[in-house]
Protein backbone atom coordinates (compact mmCIF):
# COMPACT_ATOMS: atom_id res chain seq x y z
CA MET A 1 35.02 -19.44 -61.99
CA THR A 2 32.22 -17.88 -59.91
CA ASN A 3 32.67 -16.01 -56.66
CA ASN A 4 30.92 -18.84 -54.79
CA MET A 5 33.43 -21.37 -56.11
CA ARG A 6 36.33 -19.17 -55.05
CA ARG A 7 35.06 -19.12 -51.46
CA VAL A 8 35.22 -22.87 -50.79
CA ALA A 9 38.97 -22.99 -50.09
CA ASN A 10 41.15 -21.00 -47.65
CA VAL A 11 38.05 -19.31 -46.26
CA HIS A 12 39.76 -18.48 -42.97
CA VAL A 13 43.32 -18.10 -44.24
CA ARG A 14 44.60 -14.54 -43.91
CA GLU A 15 47.90 -15.02 -45.72
CA LEU A 16 50.29 -17.66 -47.07
CA THR A 17 53.94 -16.69 -46.66
CA PRO A 18 56.44 -18.90 -48.53
CA PHE A 19 59.69 -19.76 -46.77
CA ARG A 20 62.88 -21.32 -48.05
CA PRO A 21 63.09 -25.12 -47.86
CA PRO A 22 65.07 -26.96 -45.17
CA ARG A 23 68.04 -27.61 -47.43
CA GLU A 24 68.60 -23.88 -48.02
CA LEU A 25 68.53 -23.01 -44.31
CA LYS A 26 70.87 -25.90 -43.50
CA GLU A 27 73.27 -24.76 -46.22
CA ALA A 28 73.16 -21.18 -44.91
CA LEU A 29 73.79 -22.39 -41.34
CA PRO A 30 75.61 -25.69 -41.83
CA LEU A 31 76.57 -28.31 -39.30
CA THR A 32 80.24 -28.17 -38.37
CA ASP A 33 82.23 -31.32 -37.68
CA GLU A 34 82.30 -30.30 -34.02
CA VAL A 35 78.51 -30.00 -33.79
CA ALA A 36 77.92 -33.23 -35.73
CA ARG A 37 80.23 -35.02 -33.29
CA THR A 38 78.32 -33.62 -30.27
CA VAL A 39 74.98 -34.76 -31.67
CA ALA A 40 76.15 -38.22 -32.75
CA GLU A 41 77.95 -38.94 -29.48
CA SER A 42 75.08 -37.56 -27.37
CA ARG A 43 72.49 -39.70 -29.13
CA ALA A 44 74.71 -42.75 -28.66
CA THR A 45 75.07 -41.97 -24.94
CA ILE A 46 71.31 -41.58 -24.52
CA ARG A 47 70.72 -44.93 -26.23
CA ARG A 48 73.21 -46.58 -23.87
CA ILE A 49 71.41 -45.07 -20.88
CA LEU A 50 68.06 -46.34 -22.19
CA ARG A 51 69.56 -49.82 -22.48
CA ARG A 52 71.12 -49.55 -19.00
CA GLU A 53 74.60 -49.89 -20.49
CA ASP A 54 75.49 -46.48 -19.02
CA PRO A 55 74.48 -46.18 -15.33
CA ARG A 56 74.28 -42.39 -15.33
CA LEU A 57 71.03 -40.48 -14.94
CA MET A 58 69.89 -38.29 -17.80
CA VAL A 59 68.99 -34.80 -16.62
CA VAL A 60 67.01 -32.75 -19.13
CA ILE A 61 67.21 -29.29 -17.63
CA GLY A 62 66.71 -25.74 -18.75
CA PRO A 63 64.11 -23.06 -19.43
CA CYS A 64 60.48 -24.01 -19.88
CA SER A 65 60.84 -22.17 -23.18
CA ILE A 66 63.57 -20.08 -24.78
CA HIS A 67 62.67 -16.51 -25.76
CA ASP A 68 66.05 -14.78 -25.41
CA PRO A 69 68.97 -16.44 -27.25
CA ALA A 70 71.55 -14.46 -25.25
CA ALA A 71 70.14 -15.71 -21.95
CA ALA A 72 69.94 -19.25 -23.35
CA LEU A 73 73.63 -19.18 -24.24
CA ASP A 74 74.46 -17.81 -20.79
CA TYR A 75 72.55 -20.74 -19.27
CA ALA A 76 74.23 -23.24 -21.61
CA ARG A 77 77.73 -22.09 -20.63
CA ARG A 78 76.89 -22.61 -16.95
CA LEU A 79 75.49 -26.06 -17.69
CA VAL A 80 78.67 -27.05 -19.54
CA ALA A 81 80.68 -26.20 -16.43
CA LEU A 82 78.36 -28.34 -14.29
CA GLN A 83 78.67 -31.28 -16.68
CA ALA A 84 82.42 -31.18 -16.24
CA THR A 85 81.95 -31.49 -12.47
CA LEU A 86 78.98 -33.85 -12.24
CA GLY A 87 79.46 -35.96 -15.35
CA ASP A 88 80.32 -39.17 -13.51
CA GLN A 89 76.72 -39.46 -12.26
CA PHE A 90 74.71 -37.30 -14.66
CA PHE A 91 74.41 -36.80 -18.38
CA LEU A 92 73.16 -33.23 -18.63
CA ILE A 93 71.02 -32.27 -21.61
CA MET A 94 69.86 -28.71 -22.08
CA ARG A 95 66.15 -28.22 -22.42
CA ALA A 96 65.88 -26.08 -25.57
CA TYR A 97 62.13 -25.84 -26.12
CA LEU A 98 61.43 -23.65 -29.15
CA GLU A 99 57.72 -24.30 -29.67
CA LYS A 100 55.05 -24.23 -26.97
CA PRO A 101 51.60 -25.81 -26.95
CA ARG A 102 48.97 -23.61 -25.32
CA THR A 103 45.87 -24.77 -23.48
CA THR A 104 43.94 -21.86 -25.03
CA VAL A 105 46.00 -18.96 -26.36
CA GLY A 106 49.37 -17.39 -25.54
CA TRP A 107 52.92 -16.97 -26.78
CA ARG A 108 53.77 -20.03 -28.86
CA GLY A 109 57.55 -20.07 -28.71
CA LEU A 110 60.68 -18.75 -30.36
CA ILE A 111 60.11 -20.44 -33.72
CA ASN A 112 56.53 -19.23 -34.01
CA ASP A 113 56.89 -15.69 -32.66
CA PRO A 114 60.57 -14.74 -32.23
CA HIS A 115 59.90 -10.99 -31.92
CA LEU A 116 57.39 -11.52 -29.08
CA ASP A 117 54.89 -9.23 -30.77
CA GLY A 118 52.38 -11.49 -32.47
CA SER A 119 53.95 -10.97 -35.90
CA PHE A 120 54.66 -14.73 -36.25
CA ASP A 121 57.79 -14.21 -38.31
CA MET A 122 58.50 -17.94 -38.50
CA ALA A 123 61.14 -17.49 -41.18
CA ALA A 124 63.18 -15.47 -38.68
CA GLY A 125 62.22 -17.88 -35.88
CA LEU A 126 63.59 -20.94 -37.65
CA THR A 127 66.78 -19.08 -38.56
CA ILE A 128 67.30 -17.84 -34.99
CA ALA A 129 66.55 -21.30 -33.60
CA ARG A 130 69.01 -23.04 -35.92
CA ARG A 131 71.77 -20.54 -35.17
CA LEU A 132 71.16 -20.89 -31.42
CA LEU A 133 71.29 -24.69 -31.54
CA LEU A 134 74.55 -24.55 -33.47
CA GLU A 135 76.11 -22.41 -30.75
CA ILE A 136 74.89 -24.65 -27.92
CA ASN A 137 76.04 -27.85 -29.59
CA ALA A 138 79.40 -26.25 -30.38
CA MET A 139 79.96 -26.03 -26.62
CA GLY A 140 79.75 -29.83 -26.50
CA LEU A 141 76.33 -29.65 -24.81
CA SER A 142 73.50 -31.80 -26.14
CA VAL A 143 69.97 -30.43 -26.46
CA ALA A 144 66.44 -31.74 -26.07
CA THR A 145 63.28 -30.23 -27.47
CA GLU A 146 59.57 -30.95 -27.81
CA MET A 147 58.46 -31.91 -31.28
CA LEU A 148 55.23 -30.01 -31.75
CA ASP A 149 54.96 -28.98 -35.40
CA PRO A 150 55.41 -31.89 -37.84
CA ILE A 151 57.36 -29.77 -40.38
CA SER A 152 59.73 -27.66 -38.29
CA PRO A 153 61.94 -30.65 -37.31
CA GLN A 154 63.13 -30.77 -40.92
CA TYR A 155 64.92 -27.48 -40.25
CA ILE A 156 66.60 -28.37 -36.93
CA ASP A 157 66.47 -32.15 -36.41
CA ASP A 158 70.16 -32.63 -37.21
CA GLN A 159 71.00 -30.77 -34.00
CA ILE A 160 68.60 -32.46 -31.57
CA SER A 161 69.90 -35.29 -29.37
CA LEU A 162 66.63 -36.06 -27.58
CA GLY A 163 63.04 -35.42 -28.62
CA SER A 164 59.90 -35.41 -26.53
CA ILE A 165 56.20 -35.55 -27.30
CA GLY A 166 53.98 -33.61 -24.91
CA ALA A 167 50.97 -34.78 -22.95
CA ARG A 168 48.54 -33.07 -25.33
CA THR A 169 49.97 -34.80 -28.42
CA THR A 170 51.13 -38.22 -27.18
CA GLU A 171 47.88 -39.75 -28.43
CA ALA A 172 48.05 -38.02 -31.83
CA GLN A 173 48.75 -40.25 -34.80
CA THR A 174 50.69 -37.42 -36.46
CA HIS A 175 53.21 -37.22 -33.63
CA ARG A 176 53.56 -40.97 -33.20
CA ALA A 177 54.34 -41.28 -36.91
CA LEU A 178 56.74 -38.34 -36.71
CA ALA A 179 58.56 -39.98 -33.79
CA SER A 180 58.89 -43.19 -35.81
CA GLY A 181 61.05 -41.42 -38.38
CA VAL A 182 63.26 -39.01 -36.45
CA SER A 183 66.92 -39.84 -35.90
CA MET A 184 67.04 -39.40 -32.13
CA PRO A 185 65.49 -41.15 -29.09
CA VAL A 186 62.05 -39.83 -28.13
CA GLY A 187 60.18 -39.69 -24.83
CA PHE A 188 56.38 -39.72 -24.66
CA LYS A 189 54.64 -38.02 -21.76
CA ASN A 190 51.62 -39.58 -20.13
CA GLY A 191 48.27 -37.99 -20.95
CA THR A 192 46.97 -34.87 -19.23
CA ASP A 193 44.62 -37.10 -17.21
CA GLY A 194 47.65 -38.93 -15.78
CA GLY A 195 47.04 -42.13 -17.73
CA ILE A 196 50.27 -44.01 -18.44
CA GLN A 197 48.91 -46.50 -20.98
CA VAL A 198 48.62 -43.83 -23.67
CA ALA A 199 52.37 -43.15 -23.47
CA VAL A 200 53.14 -46.86 -23.64
CA ASN A 201 50.88 -47.19 -26.68
CA ALA A 202 52.74 -44.29 -28.27
CA CYS A 203 56.08 -46.06 -27.77
CA VAL A 204 54.68 -49.17 -29.44
CA ALA A 205 53.34 -47.10 -32.34
CA ALA A 206 56.61 -45.19 -32.78
CA ALA A 207 58.54 -48.45 -33.00
CA GLY A 208 56.53 -49.47 -36.05
CA GLN A 209 56.76 -48.39 -39.67
CA HIS A 210 54.57 -45.50 -40.82
CA SER A 211 53.75 -43.51 -43.94
CA PHE A 212 52.57 -39.93 -43.71
CA LEU A 213 52.56 -36.65 -45.58
CA GLY A 214 55.48 -34.31 -45.00
CA ILE A 215 58.12 -32.36 -46.88
CA ASP A 216 61.55 -33.32 -48.14
CA GLU A 217 64.78 -31.30 -47.85
CA ASP A 218 63.75 -29.23 -50.84
CA GLY A 219 60.36 -28.37 -49.37
CA ARG A 220 58.36 -30.58 -51.72
CA SER A 221 55.28 -32.38 -50.42
CA SER A 222 56.26 -36.01 -49.97
CA VAL A 223 55.06 -39.31 -48.61
CA VAL A 224 57.42 -40.02 -45.73
CA LYS A 225 57.94 -43.74 -45.11
CA THR A 226 59.68 -44.60 -41.85
CA THR A 227 61.53 -47.60 -40.47
CA GLY A 228 60.28 -47.18 -36.90
CA ASN A 229 62.15 -45.82 -33.90
CA PRO A 230 63.21 -48.42 -31.30
CA ASP A 231 64.52 -45.82 -28.84
CA SER A 232 61.47 -44.46 -27.05
CA PHE A 233 60.53 -44.23 -23.39
CA VAL A 234 57.79 -43.03 -21.03
CA ILE A 235 57.86 -39.68 -19.23
CA LEU A 236 55.74 -39.43 -16.09
CA ARG A 237 54.51 -35.84 -15.66
CA GLY A 238 51.47 -36.27 -13.41
CA GLY A 239 47.83 -35.69 -14.27
CA ARG A 240 44.82 -33.61 -13.35
CA ALA A 241 44.03 -35.66 -10.27
CA GLU A 242 47.46 -36.26 -8.76
CA PRO A 243 51.21 -36.57 -9.31
CA ASN A 244 52.54 -39.88 -10.62
CA TYR A 245 56.21 -40.00 -9.67
CA TYR A 246 55.88 -42.28 -6.64
CA ASP A 247 57.12 -45.88 -6.42
CA GLU A 248 53.83 -47.43 -7.48
CA HIS A 249 53.65 -45.27 -10.62
CA VAL A 250 57.19 -46.15 -11.69
CA VAL A 251 56.47 -49.84 -11.11
CA GLN A 252 53.20 -49.56 -13.05
CA ALA A 253 54.89 -47.86 -16.00
CA ALA A 254 57.58 -50.54 -16.10
CA ARG A 255 54.97 -53.31 -15.97
CA LEU A 256 52.92 -51.77 -18.79
CA MET A 257 56.01 -51.42 -20.95
CA ARG A 258 57.04 -55.04 -20.37
CA GLU A 259 53.51 -56.22 -21.18
CA ALA A 260 53.78 -54.29 -24.45
CA HIS A 261 57.10 -56.05 -25.17
CA LEU A 262 59.04 -52.82 -24.70
CA ARG A 263 62.30 -52.28 -22.85
CA PRO A 264 61.21 -50.50 -19.63
CA ALA A 265 62.65 -46.99 -19.36
CA VAL A 266 61.02 -44.22 -17.34
CA MET A 267 61.85 -40.54 -17.00
CA ILE A 268 60.28 -38.37 -14.30
CA ASP A 269 59.20 -34.83 -15.10
CA CYS A 270 59.73 -32.92 -11.87
CA SER A 271 57.53 -30.07 -13.08
CA HIS A 272 53.98 -29.76 -14.42
CA ALA A 273 51.38 -31.84 -12.59
CA ASN A 274 54.04 -33.67 -10.58
CA ALA A 275 54.87 -30.34 -8.96
CA SER A 276 51.16 -29.43 -8.69
CA GLY A 277 51.84 -26.39 -10.84
CA ASP A 278 54.33 -24.91 -8.34
CA PHE A 279 57.89 -24.70 -9.75
CA ARG A 280 59.32 -24.66 -6.22
CA ARG A 281 58.08 -28.21 -5.64
CA GLN A 282 60.48 -29.53 -8.27
CA GLU A 283 63.11 -29.79 -5.54
CA ALA A 284 61.00 -32.18 -3.48
CA VAL A 285 60.18 -34.28 -6.53
CA MET A 286 63.85 -34.47 -7.52
CA HIS A 287 64.87 -35.61 -4.04
CA THR A 288 62.20 -38.34 -4.16
CA VAL A 289 63.41 -39.51 -7.56
CA ILE A 290 67.04 -39.66 -6.43
CA ASP A 291 65.94 -41.72 -3.42
CA GLN A 292 64.10 -44.08 -5.81
CA VAL A 293 67.21 -44.44 -7.94
CA VAL A 294 69.31 -45.22 -4.86
CA ARG A 295 66.72 -47.82 -3.75
CA LYS A 296 66.50 -49.22 -7.31
CA VAL A 297 62.72 -48.87 -7.36
CA GLY A 298 62.45 -49.29 -11.12
CA PRO A 299 63.93 -48.45 -14.50
CA ILE A 300 64.31 -44.69 -13.92
CA ILE A 301 66.67 -43.41 -16.59
CA GLY A 302 66.27 -39.67 -16.16
CA VAL A 303 64.54 -36.55 -14.91
CA MET A 304 63.26 -33.31 -16.42
CA ILE A 305 63.58 -30.01 -14.56
CA GLU A 306 62.43 -26.53 -15.56
CA SER A 307 65.22 -24.15 -14.63
CA ASN A 308 66.37 -20.70 -15.70
CA LEU A 309 68.89 -18.04 -14.72
CA SER A 310 66.37 -16.49 -12.32
CA GLU A 311 63.37 -18.11 -10.68
CA GLY A 312 59.69 -17.68 -11.40
CA LYS A 313 57.99 -16.40 -14.52
CA GLN A 314 56.93 -13.09 -16.00
CA THR A 315 54.10 -11.81 -18.16
CA LEU A 316 54.72 -10.79 -21.75
CA THR A 317 53.62 -7.18 -22.17
CA ALA A 318 53.70 -4.71 -25.04
CA ASP A 319 56.86 -3.15 -23.57
CA ARG A 320 59.45 -5.82 -24.34
CA SER A 321 62.19 -3.67 -22.79
CA ALA A 322 60.59 -4.29 -19.41
CA LEU A 323 61.26 -8.03 -19.58
CA ARG A 324 63.60 -9.31 -16.88
CA TYR A 325 66.71 -11.12 -18.08
CA GLY A 326 66.71 -14.89 -17.60
CA VAL A 327 63.11 -15.17 -16.36
CA SER A 328 60.65 -17.54 -18.03
CA LEU A 329 57.75 -16.33 -20.16
CA THR A 330 55.86 -19.58 -19.77
CA ASP A 331 55.99 -21.99 -16.79
CA GLY A 332 57.77 -20.89 -13.65
CA CYS A 333 61.34 -22.17 -13.26
CA ILE A 334 63.77 -22.60 -10.40
CA GLY A 335 66.70 -20.17 -10.55
CA TRP A 336 70.34 -20.97 -11.21
CA GLU A 337 71.43 -20.90 -7.57
CA THR A 338 68.78 -23.49 -6.69
CA THR A 339 69.62 -25.50 -9.81
CA GLU A 340 73.29 -25.72 -8.94
CA ARG A 341 72.63 -26.66 -5.32
CA LEU A 342 70.00 -29.25 -6.24
CA LEU A 343 72.22 -31.00 -8.77
CA HIS A 344 75.17 -31.05 -6.38
CA GLU A 345 72.98 -32.53 -3.62
CA ALA A 346 71.63 -35.19 -5.99
CA HIS A 347 75.14 -35.96 -7.23
CA LEU A 348 76.39 -36.45 -3.67
CA ALA A 349 73.52 -38.85 -2.90
CA LEU A 350 74.28 -40.94 -5.98
CA ALA A 351 78.02 -40.90 -5.31
CA ARG A 352 77.45 -42.20 -1.78
CA ARG A 353 75.37 -45.00 -3.25
CA ASP A 354 78.34 -46.08 -5.35
CA ALA A 355 80.91 -45.67 -2.60
């Protein structure tokens, strides 16, 4: 073989690092009966909420991204206590986002870069992520995450109660096909331009059967053939031009879903473009959404909130010891004190509605 022939493949690949297949990691960190029960019951509850058989509001809440497992567990324990108090009106789901899409470059999440140093030790990242999810689920707390990489779900999907597809990937065939085969309900965000139709189209696509390339439990390349996922919904997160959480947007989303022969179900993302990039505005969005639920504006089944132990965000620097505990590395988050107050206020409003 000539040198020229050797240069036609992997031209820009620096290194290929093998990692153990999903089955081996799952056997090393197995599901307990307790965790399996949490996941199964949580998925069943979410499906009932989507079908309006459970009147509670889903609240997907937690850090924009998890970079410190200890802080994540601290947050989870506090959320468990809130669920015990507010569970008659809310079904709380911890936001456990382990991979992050970037507009250009930046830290890409716990799975991709767990040491926060650009070493991309994904073998360690997947192990840390699986262990963390086991601990959260063992508390009886369900978790939600964004499905970004099409292979990583094979390592953690048995612990996820709710999946989401982000605005950048809702239109991607890869992610629609992936959503058609996963075992949990999935929400699709509207596009970055604010267009809702793309999310509706994604729900239709995910409900259908697909065949795509993936890996099996033993890490072998496989053709994955899916049955289709009937449990999908639209997440309104705003767009470049304006927010889209107002009455007319909820009504529009419901109409588009009905026209596509889908069961209308809409979640509002209180962050991102709906908050105009300001994490503090999540409070105002949440209050508006609760008012819409009280007025029965449309099929609102839940909200998403970016929240952490302390508010704001911080920059990742070379000195990791300088990082502040419980502060986001990605989008800014409301702090725990605000989180607790906001959920109690929303709970009171909903309880008065039912009085």
